[in-house]
PDB file of all heavy atoms in Angstrom:
ATOM      1  N   ASP A   1    -118.474  41.715-100.149  1.00  0.00           N
ATOM      2  CA  ASP A   1    -117.700  42.322 -99.059  1.00  0.00           C
ATOM      3  C   ASP A   1    -116.679  41.304 -98.548  1.00  0.00           C
ATOM      4  O   ASP A   1    -117.016  40.376 -97.822  1.00  0.00           O
ATOM      5  CB  ASP A   1    -118.635  42.751 -97.930  1.00  0.00           C
ATOM      6  CG  ASP A   1    -117.907  43.505 -96.837  1.00  0.00           C
ATOM      7  OD1 ASP A   1    -116.658  43.403 -96.741  1.00  0.00           O
ATOM      8  OD2 ASP A   1    -118.581  44.200 -96.066  1.00  0.00           O
ATOM      9  N   TRP A   2    -115.432  41.488 -98.963  1.00  0.00           N
ATOM     10  CA  TRP A   2    -114.347  40.600 -98.524  1.00  0.00           C
ATOM     11  C   TRP A   2    -113.701  41.092 -97.243  1.00  0.00           C
ATOM     12  O   TRP A   2    -112.904  40.370 -96.641  1.00  0.00           O
ATOM     13  CB  TRP A   2    -113.280  40.490 -99.618  1.00  0.00           C
ATOM     14  CG  TRP A   2    -113.764  39.785-100.845  1.00  0.00           C
ATOM     15  CD1 TRP A   2    -114.136  40.359-102.029  1.00  0.00           C
ATOM     16  CD2 TRP A   2    -113.951  38.385-101.015  1.00  0.00           C
ATOM     17  NE1 TRP A   2    -114.538  39.403-102.929  1.00  0.00           N
ATOM     18  CE2 TRP A   2    -114.429  38.173-102.333  1.00  0.00           C
ATOM     19  CE3 TRP A   2    -113.759  37.275-100.190  1.00  0.00           C
ATOM     20  CZ2 TRP A   2    -114.718  36.905-102.830  1.00  0.00           C
ATOM     21  CZ3 TRP A   2    -114.049  36.014-100.707  1.00  0.00           C
ATOM     22  CH2 TRP A   2    -114.513  35.846-102.007  1.00  0.00           C
ATOM     23  N   HIS A   3    -114.037  42.303 -96.796  1.00  0.00           N
ATOM     24  CA  HIS A   3    -113.396  42.870 -95.602  1.00  0.00           C
ATOM     25  C   HIS A   3    -114.003  42.331 -94.305  1.00  0.00           C
ATOM     26  O   HIS A   3    -113.300  42.178 -93.314  1.00  0.00           O
ATOM     27  CB  HIS A   3    -113.472  44.395 -95.620  1.00  0.00           C
ATOM     28  CG  HIS A   3    -112.802  44.985 -96.821  1.00  0.00           C
ATOM     29  ND1 HIS A   3    -111.440  44.987 -96.998  1.00  0.00           N
ATOM     30  CD2 HIS A   3    -113.317  45.563 -97.926  1.00  0.00           C
ATOM     31  CE1 HIS A   3    -111.131  45.547 -98.145  1.00  0.00           C
ATOM     32  NE2 HIS A   3    -112.257  45.900 -98.740  1.00  0.00           N
ATOM     33  N   ARG A   4    -115.287  42.055 -94.315  1.00  0.00           N
ATOM     34  CA  ARG A   4    -115.957  41.560 -93.105  1.00  0.00           C
ATOM     35  C   ARG A   4    -116.089  40.047 -93.090  1.00  0.00           C
ATOM     36  O   ARG A   4    -116.602  39.482 -92.120  1.00  0.00           O
ATOM     37  CB  ARG A   4    -117.355  42.179 -92.980  1.00  0.00           C
ATOM     38  CG  ARG A   4    -117.322  43.668 -92.709  1.00  0.00           C
ATOM     39  CD  ARG A   4    -118.716  44.216 -92.545  1.00  0.00           C
ATOM     40  NE  ARG A   4    -119.342  44.363 -93.858  1.00  0.00           N
ATOM     41  CZ  ARG A   4    -120.576  44.818 -94.046  1.00  0.00           C
ATOM     42  NH1 ARG A   4    -121.326  45.147 -93.020  1.00  0.00           N
ATOM     43  NH2 ARG A   4    -121.061  44.933 -95.262  1.00  0.00           N
ATOM     44  N   GLY A   5    -115.681  39.377 -94.135  1.00  0.00           N
ATOM     45  CA  GLY A   5    -115.804  37.923 -94.192  1.00  0.00           C
ATOM     46  C   GLY A   5    -115.080  37.385 -95.401  1.00  0.00           C
ATOM     47  O   GLY A   5    -114.395  38.113 -96.104  1.00  0.00           O
ATOM     48  N   GLY A   6    -115.252  36.091 -95.652  1.00  0.00           N
ATOM     49  CA  GLY A   6    -114.534  35.489 -96.774  1.00  0.00           C
ATOM     50  C   GLY A   6    -115.434  34.729 -97.725  1.00  0.00           C
ATOM     51  O   GLY A   6    -115.208  33.555 -97.878  1.00  0.00           O
ATOM     52  N   PRO A   7    -116.421  35.266 -98.379  1.00  0.00           N
ATOM     53  CA  PRO A   7    -116.943  36.624 -98.254  1.00  0.00           C
ATOM     54  C   PRO A   7    -117.964  36.743 -97.114  1.00  0.00           C
ATOM     55  O   PRO A   7    -118.448  35.746 -96.599  1.00  0.00           O
ATOM     56  CB  PRO A   7    -117.638  36.865 -99.593  1.00  0.00           C
ATOM     57  CG  PRO A   7    -118.127  35.524 -99.997  1.00  0.00           C
ATOM     58  CD  PRO A   7    -117.077  34.552 -99.485  1.00  0.00           C
ATOM     59  N   TYR A   8    -118.270  37.974 -96.780  1.00  0.00           N
ATOM     60  CA  TYR A   8    -119.243  38.273 -95.735  1.00  0.00           C
ATOM     61  C   TYR A   8    -120.633  37.813 -96.156  1.00  0.00           C
ATOM     62  O   TYR A   8    -121.013  37.950 -97.324  1.00  0.00           O
ATOM     63  CB  TYR A   8    -119.254  39.787 -95.496  1.00  0.00           C
ATOM     64  CG  TYR A   8    -120.281  40.271 -94.503  1.00  0.00           C
ATOM     65  CD1 TYR A   8    -120.122  40.025 -93.148  1.00  0.00           C
ATOM     66  CD2 TYR A   8    -121.395  40.987 -94.928  1.00  0.00           C
ATOM     67  CE1 TYR A   8    -121.054  40.484 -92.241  1.00  0.00           C
ATOM     68  CE2 TYR A   8    -122.325  41.447 -94.022  1.00  0.00           C
ATOM     69  CZ  TYR A   8    -122.156  41.190 -92.677  1.00  0.00           C
ATOM     70  OH  TYR A   8    -123.077  41.642 -91.780  1.00  0.00           O
ATOM     71  N   VAL A   9    -121.393  37.252 -95.225  1.00  0.00           N
ATOM     72  CA  VAL A   9    -122.771  36.837 -95.485  1.00  0.00           C
ATOM     73  C   VAL A   9    -123.691  37.946 -94.988  1.00  0.00           C
ATOM     74  O   VAL A   9    -123.728  38.251 -93.797  1.00  0.00           O
ATOM     75  CB  VAL A   9    -123.103  35.500 -94.783  1.00  0.00           C
ATOM     76  CG1 VAL A   9    -124.554  35.114 -95.014  1.00  0.00           C
ATOM     77  CG2 VAL A   9    -122.168  34.393 -95.261  1.00  0.00           C
ATOM     78  N   PHE A  10    -124.420  38.554 -95.920  1.00  0.00           N
ATOM     79  CA  PHE A  10    -125.326  39.649 -95.570  1.00  0.00           C
ATOM     80  C   PHE A  10    -126.529  39.108 -94.800  1.00  0.00           C
ATOM     81  O   PHE A  10    -127.059  38.044 -95.109  1.00  0.00           O
ATOM     82  CB  PHE A  10    -125.789  40.388 -96.830  1.00  0.00           C
ATOM     83  CG  PHE A  10    -124.673  41.112 -97.516  1.00  0.00           C
ATOM     84  CD1 PHE A  10    -124.071  40.580 -98.643  1.00  0.00           C
ATOM     85  CD2 PHE A  10    -124.208  42.333 -97.032  1.00  0.00           C
ATOM     86  CE1 PHE A  10    -123.040  41.244 -99.284  1.00  0.00           C
ATOM     87  CE2 PHE A  10    -123.173  43.005 -97.660  1.00  0.00           C
ATOM     88  CZ  PHE A  10    -122.591  42.456 -98.789  1.00  0.00           C
ATOM     89  N   THR A  11    -126.957  39.887 -93.785  1.00  0.00           N
ATOM     90  CA  THR A  11    -128.063  39.486 -92.914  1.00  0.00           C
ATOM     91  C   THR A  11    -129.146  40.560 -92.926  1.00  0.00           C
ATOM     92  O   THR A  11    -129.031  41.574 -93.618  1.00  0.00           O
ATOM     93  CB  THR A  11    -127.571  39.295 -91.467  1.00  0.00           C
ATOM     94  OG1 THR A  11    -127.174  40.570 -90.940  1.00  0.00           O
ATOM     95  CG2 THR A  11    -126.397  38.324 -91.393  1.00  0.00           C
ATOM     96  N   ILE A  12    -130.165  40.351 -92.106  1.00  0.00           N
ATOM     97  CA  ILE A  12    -131.254  41.324 -91.954  1.00  0.00           C
ATOM     98  C   ILE A  12    -130.695  42.691 -91.567  1.00  0.00           C
ATOM     99  O   ILE A  12    -131.207  43.721 -91.993  1.00  0.00           O
ATOM    100  CB  ILE A  12    -132.268  40.831 -90.889  1.00  0.00           C
ATOM    101  CG1 ILE A  12    -133.040  39.623 -91.407  1.00  0.00           C
ATOM    102  CG2 ILE A  12    -133.202  41.932 -90.447  1.00  0.00           C
ATOM    103  CD1 ILE A  12    -133.962  39.925 -92.561  1.00  0.00           C
ATOM    104  N   ASN A  13    -129.651  42.720 -90.794  1.00  0.00           N
ATOM    105  CA  ASN A  13    -129.046  43.990 -90.359  1.00  0.00           C
ATOM    106  C   ASN A  13    -128.427  44.773 -91.514  1.00  0.00           C
ATOM    107  O   ASN A  13    -128.114  45.947 -91.374  1.00  0.00           O
ATOM    108  CB  ASN A  13    -127.976  43.739 -89.294  1.00  0.00           C
ATOM    109  CG  ASN A  13    -128.553  43.111 -88.048  1.00  0.00           C
ATOM    110  OD1 ASN A  13    -129.711  43.343 -87.702  1.00  0.00           O
ATOM    111  ND2 ASN A  13    -127.757  42.297 -87.373  1.00  0.00           N
ATOM    112  N   ASP A  14    -128.238  44.142 -92.663  1.00  0.00           N
ATOM    113  CA  ASP A  14    -127.595  44.774 -93.810  1.00  0.00           C
ATOM    114  C   ASP A  14    -128.575  45.201 -94.907  1.00  0.00           C
ATOM    115  O   ASP A  14    -128.153  45.630 -95.981  1.00  0.00           O
ATOM    116  CB  ASP A  14    -126.566  43.807 -94.420  1.00  0.00           C
ATOM    117  CG  ASP A  14    -125.540  43.352 -93.410  1.00  0.00           C
ATOM    118  OD1 ASP A  14    -124.930  44.226 -92.757  1.00  0.00           O
ATOM    119  OD2 ASP A  14    -125.358  42.123 -93.259  1.00  0.00           O
ATOM    120  N   VAL A  15    -129.860  45.111 -94.641  1.00  0.00           N
ATOM    121  CA  VAL A  15    -130.865  45.426 -95.658  1.00  0.00           C
ATOM    122  C   VAL A  15    -130.694  46.848 -96.190  1.00  0.00           C
ATOM    123  O   VAL A  15    -130.728  47.085 -97.403  1.00  0.00           O
ATOM    124  CB  VAL A  15    -132.297  45.191 -95.121  1.00  0.00           C
ATOM    125  CG1 VAL A  15    -133.340  45.788 -96.053  1.00  0.00           C
ATOM    126  CG2 VAL A  15    -132.542  43.699 -94.926  1.00  0.00           C
ATOM    127  N   ASP A  16    -130.498  47.821 -95.300  1.00  0.00           N
ATOM    128  CA  ASP A  16    -130.333  49.213 -95.754  1.00  0.00           C
ATOM    129  C   ASP A  16    -129.101  49.365 -96.645  1.00  0.00           C
ATOM    130  O   ASP A  16    -129.152  50.060 -97.659  1.00  0.00           O
ATOM    131  CB  ASP A  16    -130.244  50.174 -94.562  1.00  0.00           C
ATOM    132  CG  ASP A  16    -131.578  50.348 -93.851  1.00  0.00           C
ATOM    133  OD1 ASP A  16    -132.622  50.102 -94.488  1.00  0.00           O
ATOM    134  OD2 ASP A  16    -131.566  50.721 -92.663  1.00  0.00           O
ATOM    135  N   GLU A  17    -128.016  48.706 -96.288  1.00  0.00           N
ATOM    136  CA  GLU A  17    -126.794  48.751 -97.103  1.00  0.00           C
ATOM    137  C   GLU A  17    -127.044  48.158 -98.489  1.00  0.00           C
ATOM    138  O   GLU A  17    -126.636  48.729 -99.503  1.00  0.00           O
ATOM    139  CB  GLU A  17    -125.682  47.970 -96.400  1.00  0.00           C
ATOM    140  CG  GLU A  17    -124.408  47.834 -97.186  1.00  0.00           C
ATOM    141  CD  GLU A  17    -123.374  46.948 -96.504  1.00  0.00           C
ATOM    142  OE1 GLU A  17    -123.532  46.607 -95.314  1.00  0.00           O
ATOM    143  OE2 GLU A  17    -122.405  46.589 -97.188  1.00  0.00           O
ATOM    144  N   LEU A  18    -127.735  47.046 -98.529  1.00  0.00           N
ATOM    145  CA  LEU A  18    -128.025  46.406 -99.814  1.00  0.00           C
ATOM    146  C   LEU A  18    -128.988  47.239-100.651  1.00  0.00           C
ATOM    147  O   LEU A  18    -128.833  47.330-101.871  1.00  0.00           O
ATOM    148  CB  LEU A  18    -128.570  44.992 -99.585  1.00  0.00           C
ATOM    149  CG  LEU A  18    -127.559  44.003 -99.006  1.00  0.00           C
ATOM    150  CD1 LEU A  18    -128.252  42.730 -98.538  1.00  0.00           C
ATOM    151  CD2 LEU A  18    -126.465  43.687 -99.999  1.00  0.00           C
ATOM    152  N   LYS A  19    -129.959  47.869-100.007  1.00  0.00           N
ATOM    153  CA  LYS A  19    -130.901  48.735-100.736  1.00  0.00           C
ATOM    154  C   LYS A  19    -130.178  49.907-101.392  1.00  0.00           C
ATOM    155  O   LYS A  19    -130.529  50.322-102.494  1.00  0.00           O
ATOM    156  CB  LYS A  19    -131.984  49.274 -99.795  1.00  0.00           C
ATOM    157  CG  LYS A  19    -133.096  48.307 -99.528  1.00  0.00           C
ATOM    158  CD  LYS A  19    -134.175  48.969 -98.689  1.00  0.00           C
ATOM    159  CE  LYS A  19    -135.373  48.079 -98.530  1.00  0.00           C
ATOM    160  NZ  LYS A  19    -136.460  48.768 -97.810  1.00  0.00           N
ATOM    161  N   LYS A  20    -129.156  50.424-100.721  1.00  0.00           N
ATOM    162  CA  LYS A  20    -128.388  51.551-101.278  1.00  0.00           C
ATOM    163  C   LYS A  20    -127.655  51.152-102.561  1.00  0.00           C
ATOM    164  O   LYS A  20    -127.300  52.003-103.355  1.00  0.00           O
ATOM    165  CB  LYS A  20    -127.379  52.074-100.255  1.00  0.00           C
ATOM    166  CG  LYS A  20    -128.006  52.821 -99.116  1.00  0.00           C
ATOM    167  CD  LYS A  20    -126.955  53.265 -98.116  1.00  0.00           C
ATOM    168  CE  LYS A  20    -127.618  53.853 -96.888  1.00  0.00           C
ATOM    169  NZ  LYS A  20    -126.648  54.145 -95.826  1.00  0.00           N
ATOM    170  N   ASN A  21    -127.428  49.875-102.735  1.00  0.00           N
ATOM    171  CA  ASN A  21    -126.693  49.399-103.910  1.00  0.00           C
ATOM    172  C   ASN A  21    -127.593  48.901-105.037  1.00  0.00           C
ATOM    173  O   ASN A  21    -127.093  48.441-106.059  1.00  0.00           O
ATOM    174  CB  ASN A  21    -125.708  48.310-103.498  1.00  0.00           C
ATOM    175  CG  ASN A  21    -124.506  48.900-102.812  1.00  0.00           C
ATOM    176  OD1 ASN A  21    -123.688  49.536-103.464  1.00  0.00           O
ATOM    177  ND2 ASN A  21    -124.410  48.730-101.508  1.00  0.00           N
ATOM    178  N   LEU A  22    -128.907  49.024-104.860  1.00  0.00           N
ATOM    179  CA  LEU A  22    -129.830  48.686-105.951  1.00  0.00           C
ATOM    180  C   LEU A  22    -129.654  49.689-107.084  1.00  0.00           C
ATOM    181  O   LEU A  22    -129.466  50.879-106.852  1.00  0.00           O
ATOM    182  CB  LEU A  22    -131.281  48.734-105.463  1.00  0.00           C
ATOM    183  CG  LEU A  22    -131.773  47.562-104.628  1.00  0.00           C
ATOM    184  CD1 LEU A  22    -133.193  47.833-104.134  1.00  0.00           C
ATOM    185  CD2 LEU A  22    -131.724  46.267-105.401  1.00  0.00           C
ATOM    186  N   ASN A  23    -129.699  49.205-108.304  1.00  0.00           N
ATOM    187  CA  ASN A  23    -129.604  50.059-109.501  1.00  0.00           C
ATOM    188  C   ASN A  23    -128.317  50.884-109.541  1.00  0.00           C
ATOM    189  O   ASN A  23    -128.322  52.037-109.953  1.00  0.00           O
ATOM    190  CB  ASN A  23    -130.832  50.964-109.605  1.00  0.00           C
ATOM    191  CG  ASN A  23    -132.098  50.161-109.737  1.00  0.00           C
ATOM    192  OD1 ASN A  23    -132.130  49.173-110.461  1.00  0.00           O
ATOM    193  ND2 ASN A  23    -133.123  50.556-109.030  1.00  0.00           N
ATOM    194  N   THR A  24    -127.228  50.281-109.101  1.00  0.00           N
ATOM    195  CA  THR A  24    -125.912  50.919-109.182  1.00  0.00           C
ATOM    196  C   THR A  24    -125.077  50.132-110.190  1.00  0.00           C
ATOM    197  O   THR A  24    -125.621  49.524-111.095  1.00  0.00           O
ATOM    198  CB  THR A  24    -125.227  50.948-107.798  1.00  0.00           C
ATOM    199  OG1 THR A  24    -125.022  49.602-107.343  1.00  0.00           O
ATOM    200  CG2 THR A  24    -126.063  51.718-106.777  1.00  0.00           C
ATOM    201  N   ASN A  25    -123.773  50.108-110.000  1.00  0.00           N
ATOM    202  CA  ASN A  25    -122.885  49.371-110.903  1.00  0.00           C
ATOM    203  C   ASN A  25    -122.881  47.867-110.642  1.00  0.00           C
ATOM    204  O   ASN A  25    -122.157  47.137-111.306  1.00  0.00           O
ATOM    205  CB  ASN A  25    -121.461  49.902-110.792  1.00  0.00           C
ATOM    206  CG  ASN A  25    -121.343  51.305-111.322  1.00  0.00           C
ATOM    207  OD1 ASN A  25    -122.109  51.716-112.182  1.00  0.00           O
ATOM    208  ND2 ASN A  25    -120.401  52.057-110.809  1.00  0.00           N
ATOM    209  N   TYR A  26    -123.653  47.418-109.665  1.00  0.00           N
ATOM    210  CA  TYR A  26    -123.684  45.996-109.328  1.00  0.00           C
ATOM    211  C   TYR A  26    -124.964  45.351-109.837  1.00  0.00           C
ATOM    212  O   TYR A  26    -126.055  45.900-109.699  1.00  0.00           O
ATOM    213  CB  TYR A  26    -123.598  45.802-107.806  1.00  0.00           C
ATOM    214  CG  TYR A  26    -122.351  46.386-107.216  1.00  0.00           C
ATOM    215  CD1 TYR A  26    -122.406  47.556-106.466  1.00  0.00           C
ATOM    216  CD2 TYR A  26    -121.119  45.790-107.416  1.00  0.00           C
ATOM    217  CE1 TYR A  26    -121.256  48.103-105.919  1.00  0.00           C
ATOM    218  CE2 TYR A  26    -119.966  46.329-106.875  1.00  0.00           C
ATOM    219  CZ  TYR A  26    -120.042  47.485-106.128  1.00  0.00           C
ATOM    220  OH  TYR A  26    -118.902  48.012-105.593  1.00  0.00           O
ATOM    221  N   ALA A  27    -124.840  44.178-110.426  1.00  0.00           N
ATOM    222  CA  ALA A  27    -126.006  43.430-110.893  1.00  0.00           C
ATOM    223  C   ALA A  27    -126.450  42.403-109.849  1.00  0.00           C
ATOM    224  O   ALA A  27    -127.597  41.987-109.846  1.00  0.00           O
ATOM    225  CB  ALA A  27    -125.684  42.719-112.204  1.00  0.00           C
ATOM    226  N   PHE A  28    -125.533  42.008-108.966  1.00  0.00           N
ATOM    227  CA  PHE A  28    -125.810  40.978-107.974  1.00  0.00           C
ATOM    228  C   PHE A  28    -125.129  41.318-106.660  1.00  0.00           C
ATOM    229  O   PHE A  28    -124.151  42.054-106.647  1.00  0.00           O
ATOM    230  CB  PHE A  28    -125.268  39.609-108.427  1.00  0.00           C
ATOM    231  CG  PHE A  28    -125.748  39.187-109.777  1.00  0.00           C
ATOM    232  CD1 PHE A  28    -124.986  39.431-110.906  1.00  0.00           C
ATOM    233  CD2 PHE A  28    -126.961  38.548-109.922  1.00  0.00           C
ATOM    234  CE1 PHE A  28    -125.423  39.042-112.159  1.00  0.00           C
ATOM    235  CE2 PHE A  28    -127.409  38.165-111.170  1.00  0.00           C
ATOM    236  CZ  PHE A  28    -126.645  38.407-112.290  1.00  0.00           C
ATOM    237  N   ALA A  29    -125.644  40.728-105.577  1.00  0.00           N
ATOM    238  CA  ALA A  29    -124.978  40.786-104.281  1.00  0.00           C
ATOM    239  C   ALA A  29    -124.616  39.352-103.905  1.00  0.00           C
ATOM    240  O   ALA A  29    -125.388  38.434-104.122  1.00  0.00           O
ATOM    241  CB  ALA A  29    -125.883  41.391-103.212  1.00  0.00           C
ATOM    242  N   ARG A  30    -123.449  39.179-103.364  1.00  0.00           N
ATOM    243  CA  ARG A  30    -123.003  37.868-102.940  1.00  0.00           C
ATOM    244  C   ARG A  30    -122.667  37.948-101.472  1.00  0.00           C
ATOM    245  O   ARG A  30    -121.951  38.853-101.063  1.00  0.00           O
ATOM    246  CB  ARG A  30    -121.766  37.442-103.719  1.00  0.00           C
ATOM    247  CG  ARG A  30    -121.337  36.049-103.332  1.00  0.00           C
ATOM    248  CD  ARG A  30    -120.162  35.582-104.175  1.00  0.00           C
ATOM    249  NE  ARG A  30    -119.811  34.246-103.799  1.00  0.00           N
ATOM    250  CZ  ARG A  30    -118.584  33.838-103.577  1.00  0.00           C
ATOM    251  NH1 ARG A  30    -117.577  34.651-103.713  1.00  0.00           N
ATOM    252  NH2 ARG A  30    -118.347  32.604-103.239  1.00  0.00           N
ATOM    253  N   LYS A  31    -123.046  37.284-100.767  1.00  0.00           N
ATOM    254  CA  LYS A  31    -123.720  36.163-100.230  1.00  0.00           C
ATOM    255  C   LYS A  31    -124.946  36.611 -99.453  1.00  0.00           C
ATOM    256  O   LYS A  31    -124.815  37.118 -98.352  1.00  0.00           O
ATOM    257  CB  LYS A  31    -122.826  35.416 -99.293  1.00  0.00           C
ATOM    258  CG  LYS A  31    -121.754  34.595 -99.929  1.00  0.00           C
ATOM    259  CD  LYS A  31    -121.644  33.342 -99.168  1.00  0.00           C
ATOM    260  CE  LYS A  31    -120.717  32.369 -99.694  1.00  0.00           C
ATOM    261  NZ  LYS A  31    -121.004  31.047 -99.777  1.00  0.00           N
ATOM    262  N   VAL A  32    -126.085  36.394 -99.992  1.00  0.00           N
ATOM    263  CA  VAL A  32    -127.353  36.625 -99.307  1.00  0.00           C
ATOM    264  C   VAL A  32    -128.027  35.262 -99.245  1.00  0.00           C
ATOM    265  O   VAL A  32    -128.479  34.750-100.258  1.00  0.00           O
ATOM    266  CB  VAL A  32    -128.243  37.631-100.062  1.00  0.00           C
ATOM    267  CG1 VAL A  32    -129.556  37.842 -99.338  1.00  0.00           C
ATOM    268  CG2 VAL A  32    -127.511  38.948-100.256  1.00  0.00           C
ATOM    269  N   VAL A  33    -128.065  34.674 -98.044  1.00  0.00           N
ATOM    270  CA  VAL A  33    -128.593  33.311 -97.930  1.00  0.00           C
ATOM    271  C   VAL A  33    -129.969  33.260 -97.270  1.00  0.00           C
ATOM    272  O   VAL A  33    -130.666  32.269 -97.406  1.00  0.00           O
ATOM    273  CB  VAL A  33    -127.601  32.389 -97.173  1.00  0.00           C
ATOM    274  CG1 VAL A  33    -126.310  32.238 -97.966  1.00  0.00           C
ATOM    275  CG2 VAL A  33    -127.316  32.907 -95.781  1.00  0.00           C
ATOM    276  N   ASP A  34    -130.350  34.321 -96.595  1.00  0.00           N
ATOM    277  CA  ASP A  34    -131.635  34.359 -95.905  1.00  0.00           C
ATOM    278  C   ASP A  34    -132.698  34.969 -96.822  1.00  0.00           C
ATOM    279  O   ASP A  34    -132.595  36.146 -97.192  1.00  0.00           O
ATOM    280  CB  ASP A  34    -131.495  35.183 -94.627  1.00  0.00           C
ATOM    281  CG  ASP A  34    -132.756  35.243 -93.790  1.00  0.00           C
ATOM    282  OD1 ASP A  34    -133.818  34.783 -94.243  1.00  0.00           O
ATOM    283  OD2 ASP A  34    -132.677  35.768 -92.660  1.00  0.00           O
TER     284      ASP A  34
END
């Protein structure tokens, strides 16, 4: 996500968003540090 950051760092608040992208066209999510 380049719109919310450079790139945006996903947090606990973004878990539902990240779950929606499991098994889609993406193999990885960038930046998940927690």
